N, C-alpha and C. Protein backbone atom coordinates (compact mmCIF):
# COMPACT_ATOMS: atom_id res chain seq x y z
N MET A 1 -9.58 119.21 87.75
CA MET A 1 -8.90 118.23 88.51
C MET A 1 -7.48 118.69 88.79
N ASP A 2 -6.99 118.23 89.92
CA ASP A 2 -5.65 118.66 90.31
C ASP A 2 -4.60 117.91 89.52
N ASN A 3 -3.53 118.61 89.33
CA ASN A 3 -2.38 118.01 88.67
C ASN A 3 -1.74 117.03 89.66
N PRO A 4 -1.42 115.78 89.27
CA PRO A 4 -0.81 114.81 90.19
C PRO A 4 0.51 115.30 90.77
N LYS A 5 1.23 116.10 90.03
CA LYS A 5 2.50 116.62 90.53
C LYS A 5 2.25 117.55 91.69
N ASP A 6 1.20 118.35 91.61
CA ASP A 6 0.88 119.27 92.70
C ASP A 6 0.55 118.50 93.97
N THR A 7 -0.17 117.43 93.86
CA THR A 7 -0.54 116.61 95.01
C THR A 7 0.72 116.03 95.65
N HIS A 8 1.62 115.56 94.82
CA HIS A 8 2.86 114.99 95.35
C HIS A 8 3.66 116.05 96.10
N ASP A 9 3.74 117.27 95.59
CA ASP A 9 4.47 118.36 96.24
C ASP A 9 3.86 118.69 97.59
N LYS A 10 2.54 118.65 97.69
CA LYS A 10 1.87 118.96 98.95
C LYS A 10 2.21 117.92 100.02
N LYS A 11 2.37 116.66 99.64
CA LYS A 11 2.74 115.62 100.61
C LYS A 11 4.14 115.87 101.16
N GLU A 12 5.03 116.31 100.33
CA GLU A 12 6.39 116.56 100.80
C GLU A 12 6.44 117.77 101.72
N GLU A 13 5.57 118.73 101.45
CA GLU A 13 5.57 119.92 102.29
C GLU A 13 5.04 119.61 103.68
N MET A 14 4.06 118.73 103.76
CA MET A 14 3.45 118.41 105.05
C MET A 14 3.61 116.91 105.35
N PRO A 15 4.75 116.50 105.83
CA PRO A 15 4.93 115.08 106.14
C PRO A 15 4.10 114.73 107.37
N HIS A 16 3.53 113.56 107.35
CA HIS A 16 2.77 113.09 108.50
C HIS A 16 3.72 112.55 109.56
N ALA A 17 3.25 112.59 110.80
CA ALA A 17 4.07 112.12 111.91
C ALA A 17 4.35 110.63 111.80
N SER A 18 3.42 109.88 111.25
CA SER A 18 3.60 108.44 111.17
C SER A 18 4.43 108.04 109.96
N GLN A 19 4.76 109.00 109.15
CA GLN A 19 5.51 108.71 107.94
C GLN A 19 6.99 108.66 108.27
N GLU A 20 7.68 107.57 107.92
CA GLU A 20 9.11 107.45 108.15
C GLU A 20 9.85 107.78 106.88
N LYS A 21 10.98 108.42 107.06
CA LYS A 21 11.82 108.70 105.90
C LYS A 21 12.79 107.55 105.74
N ILE A 22 13.04 107.18 104.59
CA ILE A 22 14.01 106.14 104.32
C ILE A 22 15.27 106.83 103.83
N ILE A 23 16.35 106.49 104.51
CA ILE A 23 17.63 107.10 104.16
C ILE A 23 18.52 105.98 103.64
N THR A 24 19.20 106.25 102.64
CA THR A 24 20.09 105.26 102.05
C THR A 24 21.51 105.56 102.53
N LEU A 25 22.16 104.51 103.06
CA LEU A 25 23.54 104.64 103.54
C LEU A 25 24.41 103.63 102.82
N SER A 26 25.66 103.96 102.72
CA SER A 26 26.59 102.97 102.19
C SER A 26 26.86 101.96 103.30
N GLU A 27 27.39 100.82 102.93
CA GLU A 27 27.68 99.79 103.94
C GLU A 27 28.70 100.30 104.95
N ALA A 28 29.68 101.06 104.53
CA ALA A 28 30.70 101.62 105.42
C ALA A 28 30.08 102.58 106.43
N GLU A 29 29.16 103.42 105.91
CA GLU A 29 28.48 104.36 106.82
C GLU A 29 27.62 103.60 107.82
N TYR A 30 26.94 102.55 107.36
CA TYR A 30 26.09 101.75 108.23
C TYR A 30 26.93 101.07 109.32
N LYS A 31 28.08 100.51 108.94
CA LYS A 31 28.98 99.87 109.92
C LYS A 31 29.51 100.89 110.93
N LYS A 32 29.83 102.08 110.44
CA LYS A 32 30.32 103.14 111.32
C LYS A 32 29.23 103.55 112.31
N LEU A 33 28.01 103.64 111.85
CA LEU A 33 26.87 103.96 112.70
C LEU A 33 26.66 102.88 113.76
N LEU A 34 26.76 101.62 113.36
CA LEU A 34 26.62 100.51 114.32
C LEU A 34 27.75 100.53 115.36
N GLU A 35 28.96 100.85 114.91
CA GLU A 35 30.08 100.98 115.85
C GLU A 35 29.81 102.09 116.86
N GLY A 36 29.28 103.21 116.40
CA GLY A 36 28.94 104.34 117.28
C GLY A 36 27.89 103.94 118.31
N VAL A 37 26.89 103.19 117.86
CA VAL A 37 25.85 102.72 118.79
C VAL A 37 26.46 101.78 119.82
N ALA A 38 27.35 100.88 119.39
CA ALA A 38 28.00 99.95 120.32
C ALA A 38 28.86 100.71 121.33
N LYS A 39 29.61 101.73 120.84
CA LYS A 39 30.44 102.53 121.75
C LYS A 39 29.56 103.29 122.74
N ALA A 40 28.45 103.85 122.26
CA ALA A 40 27.55 104.58 123.16
C ALA A 40 27.01 103.65 124.23
N LYS A 41 26.64 102.42 123.85
CA LYS A 41 26.14 101.44 124.83
C LYS A 41 27.23 101.08 125.82
N GLU A 42 28.45 100.90 125.31
CA GLU A 42 29.59 100.58 126.17
C GLU A 42 29.84 101.72 127.17
N HIS A 43 29.80 102.95 126.68
CA HIS A 43 30.01 104.12 127.55
C HIS A 43 28.88 104.23 128.58
N ASP A 44 27.67 103.96 128.17
CA ASP A 44 26.53 104.00 129.07
C ASP A 44 26.69 102.95 130.18
N ASP A 45 27.09 101.72 129.79
CA ASP A 45 27.32 100.66 130.78
C ASP A 45 28.45 101.03 131.74
N ARG A 46 29.51 101.60 131.17
CA ARG A 46 30.65 102.01 132.00
C ARG A 46 30.23 103.10 132.99
N LEU A 47 29.44 104.07 132.50
CA LEU A 47 28.96 105.14 133.37
C LEU A 47 28.11 104.57 134.51
N LEU A 48 27.24 103.63 134.20
CA LEU A 48 26.42 103.01 135.25
C LEU A 48 27.28 102.28 136.28
N ARG A 49 28.31 101.57 135.81
CA ARG A 49 29.22 100.88 136.75
C ARG A 49 29.97 101.87 137.61
N LEU A 50 30.45 102.97 136.99
CA LEU A 50 31.18 103.99 137.75
C LEU A 50 30.27 104.65 138.79
N GLN A 51 29.03 104.91 138.41
CA GLN A 51 28.09 105.50 139.38
C GLN A 51 27.86 104.53 140.54
N ALA A 52 27.71 103.25 140.25
CA ALA A 52 27.51 102.25 141.30
C ALA A 52 28.75 102.16 142.19
N ASP A 53 29.94 102.16 141.56
CA ASP A 53 31.20 102.12 142.34
C ASP A 53 31.31 103.35 143.23
N PHE A 54 30.97 104.52 142.67
CA PHE A 54 31.04 105.75 143.44
C PHE A 54 30.08 105.70 144.62
N GLU A 55 28.87 105.24 144.39
CA GLU A 55 27.87 105.15 145.47
C GLU A 55 28.34 104.19 146.56
N ASN A 56 28.91 103.06 146.16
CA ASN A 56 29.45 102.10 147.14
C ASN A 56 30.60 102.71 147.92
N ALA A 57 31.49 103.43 147.24
CA ALA A 57 32.62 104.07 147.91
C ALA A 57 32.13 105.14 148.88
N ARG A 58 31.12 105.92 148.45
CA ARG A 58 30.57 106.96 149.34
C ARG A 58 29.99 106.33 150.60
N LYS A 59 29.24 105.24 150.45
CA LYS A 59 28.66 104.57 151.61
C LYS A 59 29.75 104.01 152.51
N ARG A 60 30.82 103.46 151.91
CA ARG A 60 31.92 102.90 152.69
C ARG A 60 32.63 104.00 153.48
N VAL A 61 32.86 105.16 152.84
CA VAL A 61 33.53 106.29 153.52
C VAL A 61 32.64 106.82 154.65
N GLU A 62 31.34 106.91 154.41
CA GLU A 62 30.42 107.36 155.47
C GLU A 62 30.48 106.41 156.67
N LYS A 63 30.49 105.11 156.40
CA LYS A 63 30.54 104.12 157.49
C LYS A 63 31.87 104.24 158.24
N GLN A 64 32.96 104.40 157.48
CA GLN A 64 34.26 104.56 158.13
C GLN A 64 34.30 105.82 158.99
N ALA A 65 33.71 106.90 158.50
CA ALA A 65 33.69 108.15 159.27
C ALA A 65 32.87 107.97 160.55
N LEU A 66 31.74 107.29 160.45
CA LEU A 66 30.93 107.03 161.65
C LEU A 66 31.68 106.15 162.64
N ASP A 67 32.35 105.11 162.13
CA ASP A 67 33.13 104.24 163.01
C ASP A 67 34.29 105.01 163.64
N PHE A 68 34.94 105.86 162.85
CA PHE A 68 36.04 106.65 163.38
C PHE A 68 35.55 107.56 164.50
N ALA A 69 34.44 108.25 164.26
CA ALA A 69 33.89 109.15 165.28
C ALA A 69 33.48 108.36 166.52
N LYS A 70 32.94 107.18 166.31
CA LYS A 70 32.46 106.37 167.42
C LYS A 70 33.61 105.85 168.29
N TYR A 71 34.73 105.50 167.64
CA TYR A 71 35.83 104.87 168.37
C TYR A 71 37.11 105.70 168.39
N ALA A 72 37.04 106.97 168.00
CA ALA A 72 38.24 107.81 167.91
C ALA A 72 38.93 107.99 169.26
N ASN A 73 38.16 108.00 170.32
CA ASN A 73 38.73 108.25 171.65
C ASN A 73 39.20 106.98 172.35
N GLU A 74 39.18 105.85 171.67
CA GLU A 74 39.51 104.58 172.32
C GLU A 74 40.90 104.60 172.96
N GLY A 75 41.90 105.12 172.25
CA GLY A 75 43.26 105.13 172.79
C GLY A 75 43.38 105.93 174.06
N ILE A 76 42.82 107.14 174.06
CA ILE A 76 42.93 107.97 175.26
C ILE A 76 42.07 107.41 176.39
N ILE A 77 40.94 106.78 176.04
CA ILE A 77 40.10 106.16 177.07
C ILE A 77 40.87 105.04 177.77
N LEU A 78 41.59 104.24 176.98
CA LEU A 78 42.37 103.16 177.59
C LEU A 78 43.42 103.72 178.55
N GLU A 79 44.04 104.83 178.17
CA GLU A 79 45.02 105.46 179.07
C GLU A 79 44.34 106.03 180.31
N LEU A 80 43.16 106.62 180.14
CA LEU A 80 42.43 107.15 181.29
C LEU A 80 41.99 106.03 182.24
N LEU A 81 41.75 104.85 181.70
CA LEU A 81 41.39 103.72 182.56
C LEU A 81 42.53 103.38 183.53
N LEU A 82 43.77 103.57 183.08
CA LEU A 82 44.91 103.35 183.99
C LEU A 82 44.87 104.35 185.14
N VAL A 83 44.54 105.59 184.84
CA VAL A 83 44.42 106.62 185.88
C VAL A 83 43.26 106.28 186.81
N LEU A 84 42.16 105.83 186.23
CA LEU A 84 41.00 105.42 187.02
C LEU A 84 41.37 104.28 187.96
N ASP A 85 42.10 103.29 187.45
CA ASP A 85 42.56 102.18 188.30
C ASP A 85 43.39 102.68 189.47
N ASP A 86 44.31 103.62 189.19
CA ASP A 86 45.15 104.18 190.25
C ASP A 86 44.30 104.90 191.30
N LEU A 87 43.32 105.67 190.84
CA LEU A 87 42.44 106.38 191.78
C LEU A 87 41.63 105.40 192.64
N GLU A 88 41.12 104.35 192.02
CA GLU A 88 40.36 103.35 192.78
C GLU A 88 41.23 102.67 193.82
N ARG A 89 42.48 102.34 193.48
CA ARG A 89 43.39 101.73 194.46
C ARG A 89 43.68 102.70 195.60
N THR A 90 43.84 103.98 195.26
CA THR A 90 44.12 104.98 196.29
C THR A 90 42.94 105.14 197.24
N VAL A 91 41.73 105.20 196.70
CA VAL A 91 40.53 105.31 197.53
C VAL A 91 40.39 104.07 198.40
N SER A 92 40.64 102.90 197.83
CA SER A 92 40.54 101.64 198.58
C SER A 92 41.53 101.63 199.74
N ALA A 93 42.74 102.09 199.47
CA ALA A 93 43.76 102.14 200.53
C ALA A 93 43.35 103.14 201.61
N ALA A 94 42.78 104.26 201.24
CA ALA A 94 42.36 105.27 202.21
C ALA A 94 41.19 104.75 203.05
N GLU A 95 40.29 103.96 202.44
CA GLU A 95 39.15 103.42 203.18
C GLU A 95 39.58 102.39 204.21
N LYS A 96 40.70 101.73 203.99
CA LYS A 96 41.21 100.74 204.95
C LYS A 96 41.85 101.41 206.16
N LYS A 97 42.03 102.69 206.07
CA LYS A 97 42.55 103.53 207.16
C LYS A 97 43.94 103.10 207.66
N ASN A 98 44.66 102.37 206.84
CA ASN A 98 46.03 102.02 207.22
C ASN A 98 47.03 102.89 206.45
N THR A 99 46.52 103.95 205.84
CA THR A 99 47.36 104.85 205.08
C THR A 99 47.39 106.20 205.77
N SER A 100 48.59 106.72 205.93
CA SER A 100 48.71 108.05 206.54
C SER A 100 48.27 109.10 205.54
N PRO A 101 47.84 110.28 206.03
CA PRO A 101 47.43 111.35 205.10
C PRO A 101 48.56 111.76 204.14
N GLU A 102 49.80 111.69 204.62
CA GLU A 102 50.93 112.06 203.77
C GLU A 102 51.10 111.05 202.62
N THR A 103 50.94 109.77 202.93
CA THR A 103 51.06 108.73 201.91
C THR A 103 49.91 108.85 200.91
N PHE A 104 48.69 109.11 201.41
CA PHE A 104 47.53 109.28 200.56
C PHE A 104 47.74 110.46 199.61
N LEU A 105 48.22 111.59 200.16
CA LEU A 105 48.48 112.78 199.36
C LEU A 105 49.56 112.50 198.32
N LYS A 106 50.59 111.78 198.71
CA LYS A 106 51.67 111.43 197.78
C LYS A 106 51.12 110.59 196.63
N GLY A 107 50.21 109.65 196.92
CA GLY A 107 49.58 108.83 195.88
C GLY A 107 48.76 109.67 194.91
N ILE A 108 47.99 110.60 195.45
CA ILE A 108 47.18 111.48 194.61
C ILE A 108 48.09 112.35 193.74
N GLU A 109 49.18 112.86 194.28
CA GLU A 109 50.12 113.68 193.50
C GLU A 109 50.74 112.87 192.36
N MET A 110 51.04 111.59 192.63
CA MET A 110 51.61 110.73 191.58
C MET A 110 50.59 110.48 190.47
N ILE A 111 49.34 110.26 190.85
CA ILE A 111 48.28 110.04 189.86
C ILE A 111 48.09 111.30 189.02
N LEU A 112 48.08 112.45 189.67
CA LEU A 112 47.93 113.72 188.98
C LEU A 112 49.08 113.95 188.00
N ALA A 113 50.30 113.65 188.43
CA ALA A 113 51.48 113.80 187.55
C ALA A 113 51.35 112.86 186.35
N HIS A 114 50.89 111.63 186.59
CA HIS A 114 50.70 110.66 185.50
C HIS A 114 49.65 111.17 184.52
N LEU A 115 48.55 111.72 185.03
CA LEU A 115 47.48 112.25 184.18
C LEU A 115 47.99 113.44 183.36
N TYR A 116 48.72 114.36 183.99
CA TYR A 116 49.27 115.51 183.27
C TYR A 116 50.21 115.05 182.14
N GLU A 117 51.05 114.07 182.43
CA GLU A 117 52.01 113.57 181.44
C GLU A 117 51.27 112.92 180.26
N MET A 118 50.23 112.12 180.56
CA MET A 118 49.46 111.47 179.51
C MET A 118 48.79 112.52 178.62
N LEU A 119 48.18 113.53 179.22
CA LEU A 119 47.51 114.57 178.44
C LEU A 119 48.52 115.38 177.62
N LYS A 120 49.70 115.60 178.18
CA LYS A 120 50.76 116.32 177.47
C LYS A 120 51.18 115.54 176.21
N GLU A 121 51.26 114.21 176.33
CA GLU A 121 51.62 113.37 175.18
C GLU A 121 50.58 113.46 174.07
N HIS A 122 49.35 113.80 174.44
CA HIS A 122 48.28 113.93 173.45
C HIS A 122 48.10 115.38 172.98
N GLY A 123 49.06 116.25 173.30
CA GLY A 123 49.05 117.62 172.77
C GLY A 123 48.43 118.65 173.68
N LEU A 124 48.09 118.29 174.91
CA LEU A 124 47.48 119.26 175.83
C LEU A 124 48.56 120.00 176.58
N LYS A 125 48.43 121.32 176.65
CA LYS A 125 49.36 122.11 177.46
C LYS A 125 48.58 123.27 178.07
N PRO A 126 48.98 123.68 179.28
CA PRO A 126 48.25 124.76 179.95
C PRO A 126 48.56 126.12 179.33
N VAL A 127 47.60 127.02 179.47
CA VAL A 127 47.81 128.41 179.08
C VAL A 127 48.62 129.05 180.21
N GLU A 128 49.79 129.57 179.87
CA GLU A 128 50.65 130.23 180.86
C GLU A 128 50.31 131.72 180.84
N ALA A 129 49.54 132.18 181.81
CA ALA A 129 49.05 133.55 181.77
C ALA A 129 49.55 134.43 182.91
N ILE A 130 49.84 133.85 184.06
CA ILE A 130 50.20 134.64 185.25
C ILE A 130 51.46 135.45 184.97
N GLY A 131 51.36 136.76 185.29
CA GLY A 131 52.49 137.67 185.10
C GLY A 131 52.58 138.24 183.69
N LYS A 132 51.71 137.79 182.81
CA LYS A 132 51.72 138.27 181.43
C LYS A 132 50.56 139.22 181.19
N GLN A 133 50.65 139.97 180.12
CA GLN A 133 49.58 140.88 179.73
C GLN A 133 48.34 140.06 179.35
N PHE A 134 47.16 140.51 179.76
CA PHE A 134 45.90 139.83 179.47
C PHE A 134 45.73 139.66 177.97
N ASP A 135 45.42 138.45 177.53
CA ASP A 135 45.17 138.13 176.12
C ASP A 135 43.76 137.55 176.01
N PRO A 136 42.83 138.26 175.37
CA PRO A 136 41.45 137.78 175.28
C PRO A 136 41.30 136.50 174.45
N HIS A 137 42.33 136.13 173.71
CA HIS A 137 42.27 134.89 172.92
C HIS A 137 42.52 133.66 173.78
N THR A 138 43.23 133.85 174.89
CA THR A 138 43.57 132.70 175.74
C THR A 138 42.97 132.81 177.14
N CYS A 139 42.48 134.00 177.50
CA CYS A 139 41.99 134.22 178.86
C CYS A 139 40.62 134.88 178.87
N GLU A 140 39.94 134.68 180.00
CA GLU A 140 38.67 135.35 180.25
C GLU A 140 38.81 136.03 181.62
N ALA A 141 38.71 137.35 181.63
CA ALA A 141 38.87 138.10 182.88
C ALA A 141 37.57 138.02 183.67
N LEU A 142 37.64 137.45 184.87
CA LEU A 142 36.46 137.38 185.73
C LEU A 142 36.46 138.50 186.76
N MET A 143 37.66 139.00 187.09
CA MET A 143 37.77 140.05 188.10
C MET A 143 38.92 140.99 187.75
N GLN A 144 38.78 142.22 188.23
CA GLN A 144 39.88 143.16 188.19
C GLN A 144 40.16 143.58 189.62
N VAL A 145 41.41 143.60 189.98
CA VAL A 145 41.78 144.01 191.33
C VAL A 145 42.89 145.05 191.24
N GLU A 146 42.84 145.96 192.19
CA GLU A 146 43.88 146.99 192.23
C GLU A 146 45.20 146.33 192.57
N SER A 147 46.24 146.77 191.88
CA SER A 147 47.54 146.14 192.06
C SER A 147 48.65 147.12 191.68
N ASP A 148 49.85 146.84 192.19
CA ASP A 148 51.03 147.62 191.82
C ASP A 148 51.57 147.19 190.46
N MET A 149 51.10 146.07 189.96
CA MET A 149 51.57 145.55 188.67
C MET A 149 51.00 146.43 187.55
N PRO A 150 51.61 146.39 186.37
CA PRO A 150 51.08 147.17 185.24
C PRO A 150 49.62 146.77 184.95
N GLU A 151 48.84 147.75 184.56
CA GLU A 151 47.42 147.50 184.31
C GLU A 151 47.26 146.45 183.20
N GLY A 152 46.32 145.52 183.41
CA GLY A 152 46.05 144.48 182.42
C GLY A 152 46.92 143.26 182.56
N THR A 153 47.68 143.18 183.66
CA THR A 153 48.52 142.00 183.90
C THR A 153 47.70 140.93 184.61
N VAL A 154 47.83 139.69 184.17
CA VAL A 154 47.14 138.58 184.83
C VAL A 154 47.88 138.31 186.13
N ILE A 155 47.11 138.36 187.25
CA ILE A 155 47.75 138.17 188.55
C ILE A 155 47.36 136.85 189.22
N GLU A 156 46.29 136.21 188.75
CA GLU A 156 45.89 134.93 189.36
C GLU A 156 45.05 134.13 188.38
N ASP A 157 45.30 132.82 188.38
CA ASP A 157 44.47 131.86 187.62
C ASP A 157 43.35 131.40 188.54
N LEU A 158 42.11 131.63 188.15
CA LEU A 158 40.98 131.10 188.91
C LEU A 158 40.59 129.72 188.39
N GLN A 159 40.84 129.49 187.11
CA GLN A 159 40.67 128.18 186.48
C GLN A 159 41.65 128.12 185.32
N LYS A 160 42.41 127.03 185.26
CA LYS A 160 43.41 126.91 184.20
C LYS A 160 42.76 126.83 182.83
N GLY A 161 43.47 127.38 181.87
CA GLY A 161 43.08 127.25 180.46
C GLY A 161 44.02 126.27 179.79
N TYR A 162 43.59 125.72 178.64
CA TYR A 162 44.40 124.71 177.97
C TYR A 162 44.38 124.87 176.46
N PHE A 163 45.54 124.54 175.87
CA PHE A 163 45.69 124.41 174.43
C PHE A 163 45.64 122.92 174.10
N LEU A 164 45.04 122.59 172.98
CA LEU A 164 45.21 121.25 172.40
C LEU A 164 45.97 121.50 171.12
N ASN A 165 47.24 121.12 171.14
CA ASN A 165 48.18 121.46 170.09
C ASN A 165 48.23 122.99 170.02
N ASP A 166 47.79 123.63 168.93
CA ASP A 166 47.87 125.09 168.85
C ASP A 166 46.52 125.77 169.03
N ARG A 167 45.48 125.02 169.37
CA ARG A 167 44.13 125.59 169.50
C ARG A 167 43.75 125.70 170.98
N VAL A 168 43.20 126.85 171.36
CA VAL A 168 42.70 127.02 172.72
C VAL A 168 41.40 126.23 172.83
N ILE A 169 41.39 125.24 173.74
CA ILE A 169 40.15 124.48 173.92
C ILE A 169 39.39 124.93 175.17
N ARG A 170 40.10 125.62 176.06
CA ARG A 170 39.44 126.23 177.21
C ARG A 170 40.26 127.44 177.62
N THR A 171 39.60 128.59 177.70
CA THR A 171 40.31 129.80 178.10
C THR A 171 40.55 129.76 179.61
N ALA A 172 41.61 130.43 180.04
CA ALA A 172 41.91 130.54 181.46
C ALA A 172 40.98 131.59 182.07
N LYS A 173 40.43 131.30 183.24
CA LYS A 173 39.62 132.28 183.98
C LYS A 173 40.58 132.96 184.94
N VAL A 174 40.70 134.30 184.82
CA VAL A 174 41.79 134.98 185.53
C VAL A 174 41.33 136.25 186.25
N LYS A 175 42.19 136.69 187.19
CA LYS A 175 42.09 138.01 187.80
C LYS A 175 43.12 138.88 187.10
N VAL A 176 42.71 140.12 186.79
CA VAL A 176 43.58 141.03 186.06
C VAL A 176 43.80 142.28 186.92
N SER A 177 45.00 142.83 186.84
CA SER A 177 45.34 144.03 187.63
C SER A 177 44.75 145.28 186.99
N LYS A 178 44.45 146.24 187.88
CA LYS A 178 44.05 147.57 187.41
C LYS A 178 44.72 148.59 188.32
N LYS A 179 44.78 149.80 187.84
CA LYS A 179 45.40 150.86 188.63
C LYS A 179 44.50 151.19 189.81
N PRO A 180 45.11 151.51 190.93
CA PRO A 180 44.29 151.91 192.08
C PRO A 180 43.52 153.18 191.75
N ASP A 181 42.28 153.25 192.24
CA ASP A 181 41.49 154.48 192.08
C ASP A 181 42.12 155.57 192.92
N VAL A 182 42.34 156.73 192.31
CA VAL A 182 42.99 157.84 193.00
C VAL A 182 42.08 158.38 194.11
N GLY A 183 40.79 158.45 193.86
CA GLY A 183 39.86 159.00 194.84
C GLY A 183 39.69 158.14 196.07
N THR A 184 39.96 156.86 195.98
CA THR A 184 39.75 155.98 197.14
C THR A 184 41.04 155.61 197.83
N ALA A 185 42.16 156.09 197.32
CA ALA A 185 43.43 155.77 197.95
C ALA A 185 43.47 156.41 199.33
N GLN A 186 43.89 155.65 200.31
CA GLN A 186 43.96 156.16 201.67
C GLN A 186 45.38 156.56 201.99
N CYS A 187 45.51 157.68 202.60
CA CYS A 187 46.83 158.18 202.99
C CYS A 187 46.85 158.36 204.49
N ALA A 188 47.95 158.09 205.04
CA ALA A 188 48.09 158.35 206.48
C ALA A 188 48.51 159.80 206.64
N VAL A 189 47.69 160.57 207.33
CA VAL A 189 47.97 161.98 207.54
C VAL A 189 48.32 162.14 209.03
N PRO A 190 49.51 162.67 209.28
CA PRO A 190 49.87 162.83 210.71
C PRO A 190 48.92 163.84 211.38
N THR A 191 48.53 163.53 212.56
CA THR A 191 47.67 164.44 213.30
C THR A 191 48.40 164.92 214.53
N LYS A 192 48.06 166.11 214.96
CA LYS A 192 48.68 166.64 216.18
C LYS A 192 47.78 166.24 217.32
N GLY A 193 48.34 165.75 218.26
CA GLY A 193 47.49 165.27 219.30
C GLY A 193 47.84 165.64 220.59
């Protein structure tokens, strides 16, 4: 027969999964453990609230960004409506045929000046390229023409380019000078006749 002590040792070596260990704690240790559990629950609740607050803030920022993108141009649109009103009045006056061509042209020039000034106030300025060396950052060369000017000089704007503040939003379409071809240069040669 087995020794009872041996049987007891075997149970300790192989504890069953359903077997719970009983641990003895002092009252102070037990209170400290309960405090830790309460703090962990408090931290867990706080974390959940912070996650909910963060999610709400993220949704609010997304909505604000969508609204901003949707209505960002409202101010400039309102200013453009003033230009549109001026153009409609000018067309209406021209249709009544009681306006001379000079007066009509003067009205269009005033509207154009108003539009340029409004765009300037919003940071738009033209690319000044004529007479300057070609710059591929601000210009797009569409043609090269023989010229007496130094090679690579912009000699004509085919379409204006524009900066918005310091960024090029549209490059200028330009004609650029090149040296005359030596083989095709024509010379007047005196002839005896």
